């Protein structure tokens, strides 16, 4: 009996679903793919990559044309005894297998790229000598590798074994290791992805400093936005403008302009002075001495814009990178102005692009405004057309600095990969974010189960290692009203976005249904972060408080001369699990805190005094004193014959009586 052939389509997720534009189909009876098997086409259906090529161009299959090249040449090494062509060939077969033959859910083009990077690690670990397929089949090799690579890449190893093992018509003979070793690898992978240690939040002191510096950088640029936009356009359209006379002569010679017909443009200093005193001051402050340093300033300014949008939205880096010029939307919800950033995401959607919306603040709106000024100037002379182009353009130096005598290469932009340049125009500001003892103590409070002093990247006395993922977690953690943020300035900074998020995501809001259906999963992260935030706040404000606490829960905590505190502190892991499972809750209140976790009608009616006798209350004597003083000031301003005077006066009387009782005066 002859088995009928089965045809496999290229199964990488893409918005491009026109069959003629996709790579070739594979027939199960074909054996290994032929050298001329087409693995990539462009939008004209022309073959641009074949199996035999050492670079596969999949840029036309990514969201919004983000460049994606599977460069198998990264597997090449310096060992002359190894035929790296064989290594690359095996890597192609493995990538081909998971992209065409795997029955699993489709990967995106960019995710497939990470599997190639994983194979590079296997190769460097000795897999090149053995051959990649032999290495993956060697348990002794895998045991060695598993001890030397990060848990992140072990997840790729486990995933790769699963995908290859489920293929029916395989072109590579890779078998997973025996159950005991595979289970061990799976546990490492599982622990990595279920751990809350992946991305540390930025300590609140550093977070506040960073937000303040970003706001300052963007504000000072907005103050001269008209001049800034004009300079970008002028310099882009005129390659002579701002150059020294000798450089202009070199350009004339290169262009074949005779000496008598040369018309010179103003040199840099003269040109800048024509832009006004405010622009001159900014140029001097950052020591922008020529066209090159101006290009660097614009590049680093776009970095600051992207950082600000990361900080105030909770979006991922690639989602910020793909924002368009018209991404900012303003709405009025519950009598509050809400700023929304509209964009796209492919996260948690198998690589398929879907609409996403992020609630943000006025600071992010300012960042968008500045980005549009820069983008307008760059696009005006670059020749790029079309509606709603990218908010932060790429290739800044190619657009602005058309002539750089004596310099080679292009200046990379933040939009093309890096978060910010520590040695750039604003580098000194970022290098000033040095980790202190206070920061380490705060990290230990937020996550007491992590060995912070031994952290590989976070070092006392060194600059904070900022990453894009940290913004998302920090915003989710600090924007809550758990009381974890003690810095008044940071509370004020985040209060706006917190209130607007509450308004936008409130139950029954039709916009909230839209946002969740539109693919924004930051609100899920925001909700998931609440138990950790509440746990850290409870430990800090209740268990580690030096003050004697009162109220229903406060009195219970103080039982047996504080022994109860020590019992709970002694088993923080159990306490954390209780918060994580939402068996416990904690929220800071005007009088101290609340551990109830249940809806409170008294709070909704702003009945502060009701907390005094609540079984879940934590009354802080110092906070009680402050509230009493504020209440006295309020009552003194009211008309003694009014209902408000009697109501507020009754609350004041209850709080004073409670204060007398706990201080011993009422006995």
Foldseek 3Di string as FASTA:
>chain_A
DDDDKDKWAQQAAFPPPDVLQAFDIDILVPFQDDQQRQHGGAPVSHRDDGLVDQKHWPQRGAPPSDTAIQHLCLLDDDPPVFDCSQLSNVLSQLLCCLRIFFPDHHAHRVVSSVLSVLSSLLSVLPCRVVHVQSLLQDPVNVVVVVVPDALVSLLSSLVSQVRQVRGDSGNGDGHHDDPVVSVVSVVSNVCVVVDPPPAFAFFPVLLLLLLVVLLVLLVLCVVLLVLLLVLLQVLLVDQQAQDDPVVQVVVCVVVVNDPVRDDHHDHNVVVQVVSDDSSVVVCVVLVVRTLVLSLLSLQQNLLSLLLNCLQFFLDFSVFLLFFWLPQWDWDQFPNDIWIKGKTWDCPPPNSDIFIAITTGDVSNVSSSVSLNSNVCSQCVNVVDDDPGHGSHDWQSCVRRNVDDPPDDDGDGGCSSPNNHDCPTSCNVSQFVQAAAPVSLVLSCLLPVVDPVPPDPQRHHGGGDPDDSNNSSLNLLQPLDQAQSDPDPSVCVVNVRSSVSCCRQCPPPHPNNVVNVVRDDCSVVSSVQNQLSSNLSSCCVQQLPDPAQKDAQVSVVCCPPNNVSSVVCVVCSVVVSVCSNVPVWGWGADLQGIFTPSDDDVCVVVVVVLVRRHDNRHIGDLVSLVVVLVVLVVVLVPDDCVDPVNVSSVVSSVSSVCSSCVVVVNND
